[in-house]
């Protein structure tokens, strides 16, 4: 079976790098009888070294084919200004012969306008429903960012039109159950496949020096703190709860690590409430080795307002036995073996306080050490990808 994959991403196996790692896993774990040609716009390939492209071709056993692009004219700009950024790439719709492929796979959703007129069987793949994504952004704006509400209401309307018009009558793959329900409700035929966990190179756990000193260090990682919609103002409320909860714990020091957080805003807000002496703050930006960072972390906090909830960072943390506390958005679509201890949901300050105390008790009692894999098998890459290809190619169980 020969497949054409039209994508705006060069597949990559790196963790914490966005949707290209999902594309990499799906292609790399296909059956041997599936031949794949990757069609990528020339503007995406131009800045990438030819050696890297060759490495991807060899690793995935695919052909990467450059899609010639047309110069944007005024009419095209007026027509596509409301599309997602990637969908504005202007290239010929008929860049491949329809008869050559048994299936044309568009990744992500944004490719839909460009392959819609192809008569071969088609499937569109993506992470989130764009309508749900912007609905959640719009809801956050109403609560916290009044000035941005009109902008995101318009974005929500555009997203709804985009999915209603360009995805209707297409077969669509998503990694979120709620995204699946939203698409189905507007007449888009979709199917849900659990997000596979990326392969992880487990670094050696940092050795606690408890034999040399009695004090224990507990590290709490807060992802994307106050950074766009991936960390709302609730982070500041949760910080005050952390300070009041852990300040009285004896013989234990706490390090709070803010990953891609607003240092200036957080430090200014922290001055408004008392920070105990046993707590230190650490601000970091890009991390080359995310697994090495997680190997030193006990608790990770995900204050997500948007997304399908199956973020790679959440799955990676759970795979490495890090106790996770997150909103309902962060926790949805994830299946773990010990939900009550490893994945704790918190949407209010009261919920977070209860979840934090439970997580600290779980860690202090060393109960986490007995687990080696807390994620359910539905996130196993082999099984998840097999479900995708079965659905995509209509293979029978």
Protein backbone atom coordinates (compact mmCIF):
# COMPACT_ATOMS: atom_id res chain seq x y z
CA UNK A 1 0.00 0.00 0.00
CA UNK A 2 1.43 3.37 -1.04
CA UNK A 3 0.72 6.45 1.06
CA UNK A 4 1.34 10.15 0.42
CA UNK A 5 1.75 12.16 3.63
CA UNK A 6 1.37 15.91 3.14
CA UNK A 7 2.76 17.72 6.16
CA UNK A 8 4.19 21.02 7.38
CA UNK A 9 6.49 19.25 9.85
CA UNK A 10 9.73 17.37 9.36
CA UNK A 11 9.27 14.31 11.60
CA UNK A 12 11.52 14.20 14.67
CA UNK A 13 11.86 11.69 17.48
CA UNK A 14 12.90 14.25 20.11
CA UNK A 15 10.72 14.56 23.21
CA UNK A 16 9.06 17.83 24.12
CA UNK A 17 9.27 19.08 20.55
CA UNK A 18 5.63 19.33 19.61
CA UNK A 19 3.59 17.31 17.13
CA UNK A 20 6.49 16.28 14.87
CA UNK A 21 7.37 13.51 17.34
CA UNK A 22 3.85 12.06 16.99
CA UNK A 23 4.27 12.03 13.21
CA UNK A 24 7.64 10.31 13.62
CA UNK A 25 6.20 7.55 15.79
CA UNK A 26 3.25 6.86 13.51
CA UNK A 27 5.48 6.52 10.45
CA UNK A 28 8.31 4.62 12.14
CA UNK A 29 6.02 1.94 13.58
CA UNK A 30 4.01 1.21 10.44
CA UNK A 31 3.93 -2.27 8.93
CA UNK A 32 6.49 -3.11 6.25
CA UNK A 33 3.92 -3.22 3.44
CA UNK A 34 3.11 0.52 3.88
CA UNK A 35 5.29 2.70 1.66
CA UNK A 36 5.28 6.40 2.56
CA UNK A 37 6.25 9.49 0.55
CA UNK A 38 6.50 12.66 2.62
CA UNK A 39 5.47 15.85 0.81
CA UNK A 40 6.72 18.99 2.60
CA UNK A 41 6.53 22.63 1.34
CA UNK A 42 9.86 23.95 0.12
CA UNK A 43 9.78 26.86 2.61
CA UNK A 44 9.83 24.31 5.45
CA UNK A 45 12.70 22.30 3.96
CA UNK A 46 14.82 25.23 2.78
CA UNK A 47 16.51 26.06 6.13
CA UNK A 48 17.11 22.38 7.00
CA UNK A 49 20.50 20.88 6.22
CA UNK A 50 20.38 18.18 3.49
CA UNK A 51 22.23 15.82 5.85
CA UNK A 52 19.40 15.99 8.38
CA UNK A 53 16.82 15.31 5.69
CA UNK A 54 18.82 12.27 4.56
CA UNK A 55 18.99 10.98 8.14
CA UNK A 56 15.20 11.22 8.51
CA UNK A 57 14.71 9.47 5.16
CA UNK A 58 16.98 6.59 6.20
CA UNK A 59 15.56 6.26 9.73
CA UNK A 60 11.95 6.20 8.56
CA UNK A 61 12.51 4.55 5.18
CA UNK A 62 10.58 7.30 3.37
CA UNK A 63 11.10 9.62 0.43
CA UNK A 64 10.91 13.32 1.28
CA UNK A 65 9.58 15.29 -1.67
CA UNK A 66 9.64 19.08 -1.88
CA UNK A 67 6.34 20.77 -2.75
CA UNK A 68 6.94 23.77 -5.03
CA UNK A 69 5.21 26.86 -3.68
CA UNK A 70 3.48 29.68 -5.48
CA UNK A 71 4.09 33.29 -4.62
CA UNK A 72 1.30 34.68 -2.49
CA UNK A 73 -0.83 37.21 -4.30
CA UNK A 74 -3.22 39.72 -2.83
CA UNK A 75 -6.25 37.52 -3.52
CA UNK A 76 -4.68 34.55 -1.70
CA UNK A 77 -3.79 36.68 1.30
CA UNK A 78 -7.35 38.03 1.52
CA UNK A 79 -8.78 34.53 1.18
CA UNK A 80 -6.58 32.83 3.80
CA UNK A 81 -5.88 35.48 6.44
CA UNK A 82 -8.26 33.72 8.84
CA UNK A 83 -6.80 30.23 8.37
CA UNK A 84 -4.34 28.68 10.82
CA UNK A 85 -0.81 29.91 10.09
CA UNK A 86 0.35 26.74 8.34
CA UNK A 87 -2.66 26.66 6.02
CA UNK A 88 -1.54 29.95 4.48
CA UNK A 89 1.30 28.19 2.67
CA UNK A 90 0.40 28.57 -1.01
CA UNK A 91 1.17 25.65 -3.32
CA UNK A 92 -0.46 23.83 -6.20
CA UNK A 93 -3.27 21.51 -5.18
CA UNK A 94 -2.29 18.98 -7.83
CA UNK A 95 1.34 18.41 -6.82
CA UNK A 96 0.88 14.61 -6.90
CA UNK A 97 -0.83 12.17 -9.20
CA UNK A 98 -3.94 10.87 -7.53
CA UNK A 99 -3.63 7.47 -9.18
CA UNK A 100 -0.22 6.83 -7.61
CA UNK A 101 -1.43 6.55 -4.00
CA UNK A 102 -3.85 4.32 -2.16
CA UNK A 103 -4.21 6.88 0.65
CA UNK A 104 -3.39 10.57 0.98
CA UNK A 105 -2.68 11.55 4.59
CA UNK A 106 -2.76 15.22 5.56
CA UNK A 107 -0.97 16.26 8.73
CA UNK A 108 -1.98 18.36 10.57
CA UNK A 109 -5.54 19.69 10.04
CA UNK A 110 -4.15 22.69 8.17
CA UNK A 111 -3.38 20.57 5.11
CA UNK A 112 -7.10 19.95 4.54
CA UNK A 113 -7.65 22.93 2.17
CA UNK A 114 -4.85 21.71 -0.09
CA UNK A 115 -5.82 18.05 -0.47
CA UNK A 116 -9.60 18.32 -0.32
CA UNK A 117 -10.03 18.05 -4.11
CA UNK A 118 -7.89 14.93 -4.43
CA UNK A 119 -10.10 11.99 -5.35
CA UNK A 120 -7.98 9.30 -3.71
CA UNK A 121 -9.04 8.08 -0.25
CA UNK A 122 -7.97 10.70 2.29
CA UNK A 123 -7.41 11.03 6.00
CA UNK A 124 -6.61 14.17 8.00
CA UNK A 125 -4.64 13.90 11.24
CA UNK A 126 -4.11 16.40 14.04
CA UNK A 127 -3.68 16.94 17.75
CA UNK A 128 -6.57 19.16 18.89
CA UNK A 129 -9.90 20.22 17.50
CA UNK A 130 -9.22 23.84 16.56
CA UNK A 131 -12.74 24.82 17.65
CA UNK A 132 -12.22 23.29 21.10
CA UNK A 133 -8.77 24.85 21.35
CA UNK A 134 -10.07 28.36 20.75
CA UNK A 135 -13.18 27.79 22.86
CA UNK A 136 -10.89 27.11 25.82
CA UNK A 137 -8.79 30.17 25.02
CA UNK A 138 -11.95 32.26 24.76
CA UNK A 139 -13.21 30.93 28.12
CA UNK A 140 -9.89 31.82 29.76
CA UNK A 141 -10.05 35.34 28.29
CA UNK A 142 -13.51 35.90 29.76
CA UNK A 143 -12.20 35.03 33.23
CA UNK A 144 -8.78 36.66 33.11
CA UNK A 145 -8.09 38.71 29.97
CA UNK A 146 -11.08 40.88 29.11
CA UNK A 147 -9.14 42.94 26.58
CA UNK A 148 -8.40 39.84 24.47
CA UNK A 149 -11.98 38.48 24.51
CA UNK A 150 -13.13 39.99 21.15
CA UNK A 151 -9.98 38.74 19.42
CA UNK A 152 -10.44 35.16 20.58
CA UNK A 153 -14.17 35.19 19.94
CA UNK A 154 -13.34 35.98 16.32
CA UNK A 155 -10.65 33.27 16.33
CA UNK A 156 -13.20 30.77 17.69
CA UNK A 157 -15.65 31.68 14.94
CA UNK A 158 -12.97 31.26 12.27
CA UNK A 159 -11.88 27.92 13.74
CA UNK A 160 -15.47 26.68 13.70
CA UNK A 161 -15.89 27.71 10.05
CA UNK A 162 -12.57 26.10 9.18
CA UNK A 163 -13.53 22.73 10.64
CA UNK A 164 -17.11 22.88 9.45
CA UNK A 165 -16.09 23.68 5.87
CA UNK A 166 -12.71 22.04 5.26
CA UNK A 167 -13.00 18.95 7.48
CA UNK A 168 -16.61 18.02 6.69
CA UNK A 169 -16.83 14.63 4.98
CA UNK A 170 -13.16 13.96 5.75
CA UNK A 171 -11.93 11.16 7.99
CA UNK A 172 -10.08 12.82 10.86
CA UNK A 173 -7.73 11.41 13.52
CA UNK A 174 -7.30 13.12 16.92
CA UNK A 175 -5.58 12.23 20.20
CA UNK A 176 -8.26 13.74 22.45
CA UNK A 177 -11.62 12.22 23.37
CA UNK A 178 -13.25 15.62 23.83
CA UNK A 179 -11.79 16.78 20.51
CA UNK A 180 -13.35 13.70 18.92
CA UNK A 181 -16.76 14.56 20.42
CA UNK A 182 -16.58 18.18 19.26
CA UNK A 183 -15.73 17.20 15.68
CA UNK A 184 -18.46 14.58 15.59
CA UNK A 185 -20.99 17.14 16.84
CA UNK A 186 -20.34 19.41 13.84
CA UNK A 187 -20.53 16.59 11.34
CA UNK A 188 -16.85 15.68 10.99
CA UNK A 189 -16.13 11.95 10.87
CA UNK A 190 -13.32 11.45 13.37
CA UNK A 191 -11.71 8.69 15.38
CA UNK A 192 -9.73 8.84 18.62
CA UNK A 193 -6.41 7.09 19.21
CA UNK A 194 -4.60 7.36 22.55
CA UNK A 195 -1.44 9.45 22.33
CA UNK A 196 1.66 7.21 22.32
CA UNK A 197 4.43 7.97 24.79
CA UNK A 198 7.72 8.91 23.15
CA UNK A 199 10.72 6.61 23.67
CA UNK A 200 12.59 7.78 26.76
CA UNK A 201 16.26 7.50 27.55
CA UNK A 202 16.14 7.01 31.30
CA UNK A 203 18.99 8.90 32.96
CA UNK A 204 20.29 7.55 36.20
CA UNK A 205 18.22 8.84 39.10
CA UNK A 206 20.00 11.47 41.10
CA UNK A 207 21.31 9.78 44.23
CA UNK A 208 19.90 11.35 47.36
CA UNK A 209 22.62 12.09 49.85
CA UNK A 210 20.51 11.06 52.80
CA UNK A 211 23.34 9.00 54.27
CA UNK A 212 25.43 12.15 54.51
CA UNK A 213 22.70 14.51 55.69
CA UNK A 214 19.27 14.15 57.20
CA UNK A 215 17.63 16.84 55.09
CA UNK A 216 15.64 15.78 52.05
CA UNK A 217 15.11 17.93 48.93
CA UNK A 218 11.74 17.77 47.18
CA UNK A 219 11.64 19.34 43.73
CA UNK A 220 8.42 20.69 42.23
CA UNK A 221 8.40 21.53 38.52
CA UNK A 222 5.79 24.00 37.21
CA UNK A 223 5.49 23.84 33.43
CA UNK A 224 4.97 26.96 31.29
CA UNK A 225 4.17 29.01 34.38
CA UNK A 226 2.24 32.15 33.37
CA UNK A 227 3.40 31.61 29.79
CA UNK A 228 0.56 32.29 27.36
CA UNK A 229 -2.44 30.03 27.87
CA UNK A 230 -0.35 27.16 29.18
CA UNK A 231 -0.16 28.64 32.65
CA UNK A 232 -2.97 30.83 33.86
CA UNK A 233 -3.14 33.17 36.82
CA UNK A 234 -4.06 30.20 38.97
CA UNK A 235 -0.32 29.51 39.26
CA UNK A 236 0.02 32.41 41.68
CA UNK A 237 -2.83 31.08 43.81
CA UNK A 238 -1.24 27.64 43.82
CA UNK A 239 2.13 29.11 44.76
CA UNK A 240 0.66 30.68 47.89
CA UNK A 241 -0.81 27.27 48.81
CA UNK A 242 2.56 25.59 48.29
CA UNK A 243 4.26 28.17 50.52
CA UNK A 244 1.71 27.78 53.32
CA UNK A 245 1.69 23.97 53.09
CA UNK A 246 5.36 23.07 52.92
CA UNK A 247 6.71 25.80 55.17
CA UNK A 248 5.96 23.79 58.30
CA UNK A 249 7.47 20.50 57.08
CA UNK A 250 10.64 19.79 59.05
CA UNK A 251 13.92 18.40 57.71
CA UNK A 252 12.79 18.97 54.13
CA UNK A 253 13.86 21.63 51.63
CA UNK A 254 11.82 22.45 48.56
CA UNK A 255 13.00 23.69 45.18
CA UNK A 256 10.32 25.07 42.88
CA UNK A 257 11.44 25.01 39.25
CA UNK A 258 9.60 27.21 36.75
CA UNK A 259 9.96 25.88 33.23
CA UNK A 260 9.56 28.72 30.69
CA UNK A 261 7.93 30.91 33.32
CA UNK A 262 7.61 34.67 33.71
CA UNK A 263 10.36 35.32 36.25
CA UNK A 264 9.65 39.03 36.66
CA UNK A 265 5.93 38.57 37.24
CA UNK A 266 6.32 35.59 39.55
CA UNK A 267 8.96 37.26 41.72
CA UNK A 268 6.87 40.42 42.01
CA UNK A 269 3.80 38.44 43.03
CA UNK A 270 5.78 36.35 45.52
CA UNK A 271 6.61 39.50 47.44
CA UNK A 272 2.92 39.82 48.30
CA UNK A 273 2.94 36.70 50.47
CA UNK A 274 5.44 35.12 52.82
CA UNK A 275 7.92 32.66 51.32
CA UNK A 276 9.33 30.17 53.88
CA UNK A 277 13.09 29.79 54.22
CA UNK A 278 13.00 26.12 53.20
CA UNK A 279 11.82 27.02 49.67
CA UNK A 280 14.06 28.13 46.81
CA UNK A 281 12.94 29.30 43.35
CA UNK A 282 14.68 28.31 40.11
CA UNK A 283 13.78 29.67 36.67
CA UNK A 284 14.81 27.81 33.52
CA UNK A 285 13.93 28.21 29.84
CA UNK A 286 14.67 25.74 27.06
CA UNK A 287 15.86 22.31 28.23
CA UNK A 288 17.94 20.19 25.88
CA UNK A 289 17.45 17.00 27.89
CA UNK A 290 13.96 17.03 29.37
CA UNK A 291 14.27 13.50 30.79
CA UNK A 292 17.41 14.49 32.73
CA UNK A 293 15.45 17.33 34.31
CA UNK A 294 12.53 15.04 35.21
CA UNK A 295 14.86 12.50 36.82
CA UNK A 296 15.44 15.08 39.58
CA UNK A 297 11.76 16.06 39.97
CA UNK A 298 9.26 14.65 42.47
CA UNK A 299 6.11 16.58 41.53
CA UNK A 300 5.19 18.29 38.27
CA UNK A 301 2.35 20.79 38.04
CA UNK A 302 0.44 21.37 34.79
CA UNK A 303 -1.83 24.46 34.93
CA UNK A 304 -3.08 23.89 31.36
CA UNK A 305 -6.07 25.83 30.06
CA UNK A 306 -5.99 24.54 26.48
CA UNK A 307 -5.00 21.55 24.39
CA UNK A 308 -6.07 17.96 23.97
CA UNK A 309 -4.57 17.22 27.39
CA UNK A 310 -2.27 14.53 26.06
CA UNK A 311 0.77 16.78 26.07
CA UNK A 312 4.03 14.94 25.56
CA UNK A 313 5.44 16.46 28.75
CA UNK A 314 2.58 15.06 30.87
CA UNK A 315 3.02 11.56 29.47
CA UNK A 316 6.79 11.75 29.82
CA UNK A 317 6.52 12.80 33.47
CA UNK A 318 4.15 9.92 34.26
CA UNK A 319 6.39 7.45 32.44
CA UNK A 320 9.24 8.56 34.72
CA UNK A 321 7.15 8.10 37.89
CA UNK A 322 6.76 11.80 38.58
CA UNK A 323 3.59 12.64 40.52
CA UNK A 324 1.51 15.02 38.38
CA UNK A 325 -1.03 17.62 39.50
CA UNK A 326 -3.01 19.28 36.75
CA UNK A 327 -6.26 20.78 35.60
CA UNK A 328 -8.98 18.70 33.99
CA UNK A 329 -7.49 19.71 30.62
CA UNK A 330 -4.09 18.32 31.61
CA UNK A 331 -5.55 15.07 32.97
CA UNK A 332 -8.01 14.21 30.22
CA UNK A 333 -7.22 11.45 27.71
CA UNK A 334 -4.53 9.96 29.94
CA UNK A 335 -4.94 6.50 31.46
CA UNK A 336 -2.70 5.53 34.37
CA UNK A 337 -2.55 2.45 36.57
CA UNK A 338 -2.67 4.43 39.83
CA UNK A 339 -4.81 7.48 39.11
CA UNK A 340 -5.34 8.36 42.77
CA UNK A 341 -1.63 8.82 43.44
CA UNK A 342 0.19 9.66 40.22
CA UNK A 343 -2.30 11.87 38.35
CA UNK A 344 -4.17 14.29 40.60
CA UNK A 345 -6.76 16.67 39.19
CA UNK A 346 -7.10 20.19 40.58
CA UNK A 347 -9.25 22.98 39.17
CA UNK A 348 -9.78 25.04 42.30
CA UNK A 349 -7.54 26.20 45.13
CA UNK A 350 -9.23 23.73 47.49
CA UNK A 351 -8.63 20.87 45.04
CA UNK A 352 -5.00 21.84 44.65
CA UNK A 353 -4.37 22.01 48.39
CA UNK A 354 -5.82 18.53 48.82
CA UNK A 355 -3.84 17.16 45.85
CA UNK A 356 -0.58 18.70 47.07
CA UNK A 357 -0.92 17.19 50.55
CA UNK A 358 -1.66 13.80 49.02
CA UNK A 359 1.31 14.03 46.68
CA UNK A 360 3.68 15.03 49.49
CA UNK A 361 2.49 12.16 51.68
CA UNK A 362 2.91 9.75 48.78
CA UNK A 363 6.47 10.95 48.14
CA UNK A 364 7.56 11.14 51.78
CA UNK A 365 6.46 7.53 52.32
CA UNK A 366 8.55 6.42 49.31
CA UNK A 367 5.52 4.70 47.80
CA UNK A 368 6.48 5.86 44.30
CA UNK A 369 9.66 3.75 44.22
CA UNK A 370 7.82 0.48 43.71
CA UNK A 371 6.40 1.52 40.34
CA UNK A 372 8.30 1.17 37.10
CA UNK A 373 5.54 2.05 34.64
CA UNK A 374 2.37 3.85 35.69
CA UNK A 375 0.91 4.50 32.24
CA UNK A 376 -1.76 2.19 30.87
CA UNK A 377 -0.85 0.02 27.89
CA UNK A 378 -3.13 2.08 25.63
CA UNK A 379 -0.27 4.63 25.49
CA UNK A 380 2.22 1.98 24.42
CA UNK A 381 3.64 3.21 21.07
CA UNK A 382 3.31 -0.14 19.33
CA UNK A 383 -0.34 -0.61 20.31
CA UNK A 384 -1.39 3.01 19.82
CA UNK A 385 0.16 3.27 16.37
CA UNK A 386 -1.33 -0.09 15.35
CA UNK A 387 -4.80 1.29 16.16
CA UNK A 388 -4.08 4.38 14.05
CA UNK A 389 -3.05 2.42 10.98
CA UNK A 390 -5.93 -0.01 11.36
CA UNK A 391 -8.39 2.90 11.43
CA UNK A 392 -6.60 4.89 8.74
CA UNK A 393 -6.36 2.03 6.26
CA UNK A 394 -9.61 0.30 7.28
CA UNK A 395 -7.68 -2.80 8.29
CA UNK A 396 -9.74 -5.35 10.18
CA UNK A 397 -8.87 -6.35 13.73
